[in-house]
N, C-alpha and C. Protein backbone atom coordinates (compact mmCIF):
# COMPACT_ATOMS: atom_id res chain seq x y z
N UNK A 1 81.08 106.57 87.07
CA UNK A 1 81.76 105.96 88.06
C UNK A 1 82.08 106.68 89.68
N UNK A 2 81.97 105.61 90.50
CA UNK A 2 82.63 105.75 91.86
C UNK A 2 83.49 104.80 92.12
N UNK A 3 84.89 105.96 92.66
CA UNK A 3 86.09 106.04 92.82
C UNK A 3 86.38 103.74 93.53
N UNK A 4 86.54 103.21 93.55
CA UNK A 4 86.87 101.59 93.56
C UNK A 4 87.44 102.05 95.56
N UNK A 5 87.22 101.12 96.06
CA UNK A 5 87.41 101.19 97.72
C UNK A 5 88.58 101.82 97.85
N UNK A 6 90.30 101.00 97.23
CA UNK A 6 91.08 101.34 97.69
C UNK A 6 92.14 102.84 97.28
N UNK A 7 90.86 103.27 96.23
CA UNK A 7 91.18 105.10 95.77
C UNK A 7 91.19 105.60 96.75
N UNK A 8 89.27 105.49 97.48
CA UNK A 8 89.23 106.29 98.21
C UNK A 8 89.26 106.84 99.51
N UNK A 9 89.87 105.17 99.62
CA UNK A 9 91.23 105.35 101.07
C UNK A 9 92.08 106.13 101.10
N UNK A 10 93.04 105.85 99.79
CA UNK A 10 94.24 106.44 99.69
C UNK A 10 93.82 107.77 99.54
N UNK A 11 92.55 108.90 98.44
CA UNK A 11 92.16 110.07 98.74
C UNK A 11 91.32 110.32 100.15
N UNK A 12 91.86 109.41 100.67
CA UNK A 12 91.22 110.04 102.53
C UNK A 12 92.70 109.89 103.05
N UNK A 13 92.99 108.90 102.44
CA UNK A 13 95.05 109.53 103.47
C UNK A 13 96.26 111.13 102.70
N UNK A 14 95.24 112.13 101.91
CA UNK A 14 96.65 112.52 101.45
C UNK A 14 96.57 113.54 101.70
N UNK A 15 97.39 114.40 102.32
CA UNK A 15 98.22 115.46 102.69
C UNK A 15 98.54 116.25 103.15
N UNK A 16 99.24 116.67 104.18
CA UNK A 16 100.65 116.98 104.96
C UNK A 16 100.09 116.95 106.39
N UNK A 17 101.02 115.70 106.86
CA UNK A 17 100.91 115.69 108.63
C UNK A 17 102.26 116.90 108.93
N UNK A 18 102.04 117.18 110.22
CA UNK A 18 102.85 117.32 111.59
C UNK A 18 103.72 116.30 112.14
N UNK A 19 104.37 115.85 112.65
CA UNK A 19 104.54 114.70 113.02
C UNK A 19 106.00 114.92 114.11
N UNK A 20 105.81 114.54 115.07
CA UNK A 20 106.91 114.24 116.16
C UNK A 20 107.85 113.10 115.86
N UNK A 21 108.80 112.84 116.65
CA UNK A 21 109.69 111.70 115.88
C UNK A 21 110.41 111.93 117.06
N UNK A 22 111.72 111.16 117.45
CA UNK A 22 112.37 111.59 117.71
C UNK A 22 114.06 110.75 116.51
N UNK A 23 115.00 111.63 116.96
CA UNK A 23 116.15 111.04 115.25
C UNK A 23 117.23 111.41 116.83
N UNK A 24 118.28 109.53 116.07
CA UNK A 24 119.29 109.71 117.40
C UNK A 24 119.43 110.28 118.79
N UNK A 25 117.58 110.22 119.09
CA UNK A 25 117.96 110.28 120.57
C UNK A 25 117.31 112.10 121.18
N UNK A 26 117.02 112.25 119.91
CA UNK A 26 117.13 114.11 120.07
C UNK A 26 115.18 114.15 119.29
N UNK A 27 114.07 115.34 119.80
CA UNK A 27 112.91 115.54 119.56
C UNK A 27 113.28 116.04 117.94
N UNK A 28 112.66 115.39 117.05
CA UNK A 28 112.02 116.28 115.88
C UNK A 28 111.69 116.31 115.11
N UNK A 29 110.93 117.44 114.52
CA UNK A 29 109.59 117.45 114.37
C UNK A 29 110.11 117.18 112.29
N UNK A 30 109.12 116.69 112.04
CA UNK A 30 108.85 116.93 110.24
C UNK A 30 107.55 116.94 109.49
N UNK A 31 107.76 117.07 108.87
CA UNK A 31 106.36 116.71 107.70
C UNK A 31 106.40 115.86 107.17
N UNK A 32 105.37 114.90 107.28
CA UNK A 32 105.00 113.82 105.72
C UNK A 32 104.26 114.07 105.32
N UNK A 33 103.95 114.11 103.80
CA UNK A 33 103.55 114.10 102.55
C UNK A 33 102.80 113.48 101.45
N UNK A 34 101.75 112.89 101.95
CA UNK A 34 101.38 111.99 100.69
C UNK A 34 100.47 112.49 99.61
N UNK A 35 100.19 111.85 98.77
CA UNK A 35 99.77 111.90 97.19
C UNK A 35 98.97 110.81 96.70
N UNK A 36 97.95 110.98 96.12
CA UNK A 36 97.37 109.93 95.84
C UNK A 36 97.60 110.56 93.79
N UNK A 37 98.23 109.71 93.67
CA UNK A 37 99.18 109.67 91.71
C UNK A 37 97.70 109.11 91.18
N UNK A 38 97.71 109.60 89.71
CA UNK A 38 96.71 109.07 88.92
C UNK A 38 96.79 108.19 89.00
N UNK A 39 97.04 107.14 88.41
CA UNK A 39 97.51 105.39 88.67
C UNK A 39 96.13 104.72 90.20
N UNK A 40 96.31 105.54 91.30
CA UNK A 40 95.69 105.48 91.87
C UNK A 40 96.74 105.21 93.22
N UNK A 41 97.42 105.08 92.74
CA UNK A 41 99.12 104.57 94.17
C UNK A 41 98.87 105.96 95.05
N UNK A 42 100.05 105.76 95.77
CA UNK A 42 100.44 106.63 96.98
C UNK A 42 102.01 106.76 96.79
N UNK A 43 101.99 107.98 96.72
CA UNK A 43 103.28 108.80 97.01
C UNK A 43 103.19 109.08 97.58
N UNK A 44 104.83 110.02 97.70
CA UNK A 44 104.59 110.67 99.37
C UNK A 44 106.24 111.84 99.28
N UNK A 45 106.45 112.07 100.98
CA UNK A 45 108.22 112.16 101.31
C UNK A 45 107.87 112.97 102.16
N UNK A 46 108.58 113.20 103.02
CA UNK A 46 108.64 113.59 104.05
C UNK A 46 110.33 115.23 104.76
N UNK A 47 109.45 116.00 104.49
CA UNK A 47 110.45 117.41 104.59
C UNK A 47 110.73 117.45 106.41
N UNK A 48 111.77 117.64 106.56
CA UNK A 48 112.72 117.87 107.21
C UNK A 48 113.65 118.98 107.70
N UNK A 49 114.04 120.52 108.48
CA UNK A 49 114.56 121.03 108.04
C UNK A 49 115.74 121.63 107.59
N UNK A 50 116.61 120.37 108.56
CA UNK A 50 117.87 120.54 108.07
C UNK A 50 118.78 119.09 107.19
N UNK A 51 117.37 118.57 106.38
CA UNK A 51 118.03 118.15 105.03
C UNK A 51 117.26 118.59 104.12
N UNK A 52 115.79 118.89 104.18
CA UNK A 52 114.99 119.38 103.28
C UNK A 52 113.72 118.12 102.46
N UNK A 53 113.62 118.35 101.76
CA UNK A 53 112.62 116.95 101.21
C UNK A 53 113.09 116.45 101.29
N UNK A 54 112.69 114.69 101.78
CA UNK A 54 113.04 112.92 101.14
C UNK A 54 112.19 112.39 100.47
N UNK A 55 112.44 112.26 99.70
CA UNK A 55 110.88 111.53 98.39
C UNK A 55 111.34 109.91 99.24
N UNK A 56 109.91 109.66 99.53
CA UNK A 56 109.60 107.30 99.73
C UNK A 56 110.11 107.70 98.45
N UNK A 57 110.66 105.87 98.86
CA UNK A 57 110.92 105.17 97.59
C UNK A 57 109.67 103.97 97.39
N UNK A 58 109.27 103.48 98.59
CA UNK A 58 108.02 103.00 98.26
C UNK A 58 106.83 103.30 99.31
N UNK A 59 105.60 103.42 98.87
CA UNK A 59 104.89 103.71 99.88
C UNK A 59 103.11 102.21 99.89
N UNK A 60 102.89 101.62 100.35
CA UNK A 60 102.19 101.04 99.97
C UNK A 60 99.86 100.54 101.74
N UNK A 61 99.28 101.03 101.30
CA UNK A 61 98.46 101.57 101.66
C UNK A 61 97.49 100.27 101.52
N UNK A 62 97.03 99.80 103.51
CA UNK A 62 96.76 98.96 103.16
C UNK A 62 95.09 99.53 104.23
N UNK A 63 94.06 99.93 103.60
CA UNK A 63 93.28 101.03 104.04
C UNK A 63 93.54 102.25 104.97
N UNK A 64 93.27 102.34 106.49
CA UNK A 64 93.85 103.15 107.30
C UNK A 64 95.97 102.89 107.49
N UNK A 65 96.59 101.73 107.48
CA UNK A 65 97.78 101.36 107.78
C UNK A 65 98.73 101.73 106.55
N UNK A 66 99.70 102.88 106.95
CA UNK A 66 100.77 102.68 105.53
C UNK A 66 101.70 101.97 106.00
N UNK A 67 102.81 101.97 105.25
CA UNK A 67 104.18 101.07 105.15
C UNK A 67 104.92 102.01 103.73
N UNK A 68 105.56 102.97 104.39
CA UNK A 68 106.74 103.56 103.12
C UNK A 68 108.04 103.09 103.95
N UNK A 69 109.05 103.69 102.76
CA UNK A 69 110.84 103.70 102.70
C UNK A 69 110.60 104.06 101.62
N UNK A 70 112.62 105.23 102.41
CA UNK A 70 113.56 106.46 101.93
C UNK A 70 114.76 105.76 102.36
N UNK A 71 115.50 106.34 101.68
CA UNK A 71 116.63 106.65 102.00
C UNK A 71 116.91 107.94 102.44
N UNK A 72 117.30 107.62 103.70
CA UNK A 72 118.34 108.58 104.54
C UNK A 72 119.41 109.68 103.91
N UNK A 73 119.73 110.84 104.35
CA UNK A 73 120.76 111.58 103.50
C UNK A 73 122.03 110.34 103.89
N UNK A 74 121.47 110.46 105.36
CA UNK A 74 123.10 109.18 105.81
C UNK A 74 122.95 108.24 105.89
N UNK A 75 122.85 107.71 104.50
CA UNK A 75 123.14 106.02 103.75
C UNK A 75 122.31 105.26 104.52
N UNK A 76 120.95 105.61 105.51
CA UNK A 76 120.13 104.06 106.15
C UNK A 76 119.25 103.77 105.31
N UNK A 77 118.73 103.37 105.18
CA UNK A 77 117.59 102.67 104.63
C UNK A 77 116.44 102.65 105.73
N UNK A 78 115.37 103.56 105.67
CA UNK A 78 114.04 104.36 106.54
C UNK A 78 112.54 103.57 106.31
N UNK A 79 112.50 102.13 107.26
CA UNK A 79 110.32 102.21 107.42
C UNK A 79 109.95 103.47 107.92
N UNK A 80 108.53 103.30 107.55
CA UNK A 80 107.66 104.24 108.60
C UNK A 80 106.30 103.20 108.70
N UNK A 81 106.25 103.22 109.56
CA UNK A 81 105.08 101.99 109.70
C UNK A 81 103.90 103.18 110.18
N UNK A 82 102.82 103.44 109.92
CA UNK A 82 101.80 104.43 110.16
C UNK A 82 100.31 103.66 110.05
N UNK A 83 99.08 104.24 111.27
CA UNK A 83 98.14 104.57 110.48
C UNK A 83 97.46 105.76 111.15
N UNK A 84 97.13 106.26 109.44
CA UNK A 84 95.40 107.21 109.27
C UNK A 84 94.89 107.46 110.13
N UNK A 85 93.54 107.33 111.25
CA UNK A 85 92.01 107.86 111.54
C UNK A 85 91.77 108.86 111.94
N UNK A 86 91.54 109.31 111.14
CA UNK A 86 90.55 111.05 111.29
C UNK A 86 91.06 112.22 111.11
N UNK A 87 92.15 111.91 110.29
CA UNK A 87 93.34 112.80 111.15
C UNK A 87 94.63 112.90 111.38
N UNK A 88 94.41 112.23 112.81
CA UNK A 88 95.89 111.32 113.39
C UNK A 88 96.95 110.34 113.24
N UNK A 89 97.54 110.59 112.76
CA UNK A 89 98.73 109.72 112.38
C UNK A 89 99.26 108.99 113.70
N UNK A 90 99.27 107.83 113.98
CA UNK A 90 100.69 107.13 114.79
C UNK A 90 101.56 106.06 114.50
N UNK A 91 103.00 105.48 114.71
CA UNK A 91 103.16 105.01 113.87
C UNK A 91 104.93 104.90 114.84
N UNK A 92 105.35 103.89 113.95
CA UNK A 92 106.64 103.93 114.43
C UNK A 92 107.63 103.93 112.96
N UNK A 93 109.35 104.41 113.34
CA UNK A 93 109.97 104.38 112.27
C UNK A 93 111.33 103.60 112.43
N UNK A 94 112.28 103.11 111.66
CA UNK A 94 113.33 102.49 112.41
C UNK A 94 114.70 102.25 111.32
N UNK A 95 115.61 102.43 111.33
CA UNK A 95 116.30 102.78 110.66
C UNK A 95 117.26 101.86 110.39
N UNK A 96 117.25 101.24 109.38
CA UNK A 96 118.50 100.43 109.27
C UNK A 96 119.77 100.41 109.93
N UNK A 97 120.50 101.47 110.60
CA UNK A 97 121.46 101.77 111.59
C UNK A 97 121.23 101.84 112.51
N UNK A 98 119.53 101.21 113.10
CA UNK A 98 119.83 100.88 113.88
C UNK A 98 118.58 101.66 115.02
N UNK A 99 118.64 103.01 114.47
CA UNK A 99 117.64 104.30 114.95
C UNK A 99 116.06 103.59 114.81
N UNK A 100 115.55 104.72 115.53
CA UNK A 100 114.01 104.43 115.56
C UNK A 100 113.36 105.47 116.63
N UNK A 101 112.05 104.92 116.14
CA UNK A 101 111.35 106.29 117.73
C UNK A 101 109.32 105.40 117.56
N UNK A 102 109.38 106.23 117.85
CA UNK A 102 107.59 106.51 117.62
C UNK A 102 106.95 107.65 117.10
N UNK A 103 106.12 107.83 116.08
CA UNK A 103 105.32 108.58 114.96
C UNK A 103 104.25 109.27 116.00
N UNK A 104 104.01 110.85 116.11
CA UNK A 104 103.02 110.55 116.48
C UNK A 104 102.40 112.68 115.61
N UNK A 105 101.14 112.23 115.45
CA UNK A 105 101.08 113.94 114.82
C UNK A 105 99.99 113.84 113.97
N UNK A 106 99.35 115.28 113.88
CA UNK A 106 98.19 115.22 112.96
C UNK A 106 98.36 115.84 111.75
N UNK A 107 96.98 115.63 110.67
CA UNK A 107 97.04 116.25 109.68
C UNK A 107 96.91 118.40 109.76
N UNK A 108 97.32 118.45 109.85
CA UNK A 108 97.54 120.13 109.22
C UNK A 108 97.06 120.74 107.59
N UNK A 109 97.30 119.89 106.67
CA UNK A 109 95.91 120.63 105.00
C UNK A 109 95.86 119.16 104.21
């Protein structure tokens, strides 16, 4: 049987991405990971050297567009809104504390 279109699209987005953002006005490199769960939905996390791995609370996928949320170690709620096309990630993130920036990156595996 063929996987459903959403499941196939989600599988295409799965992987690890090296992403450049700005945090508190300073450049920051993060690793953003996405994986397809057995039920076809997506899960993921970001890895920040200074904070370790922070899991996403929610991951919503619509084609190549992803919206994900997480709880920052500083207590803020963070939303990431990005598109992945041919291994290139572009978008932005914002924090309930008022921070945010563009996001740009590439698939690393």
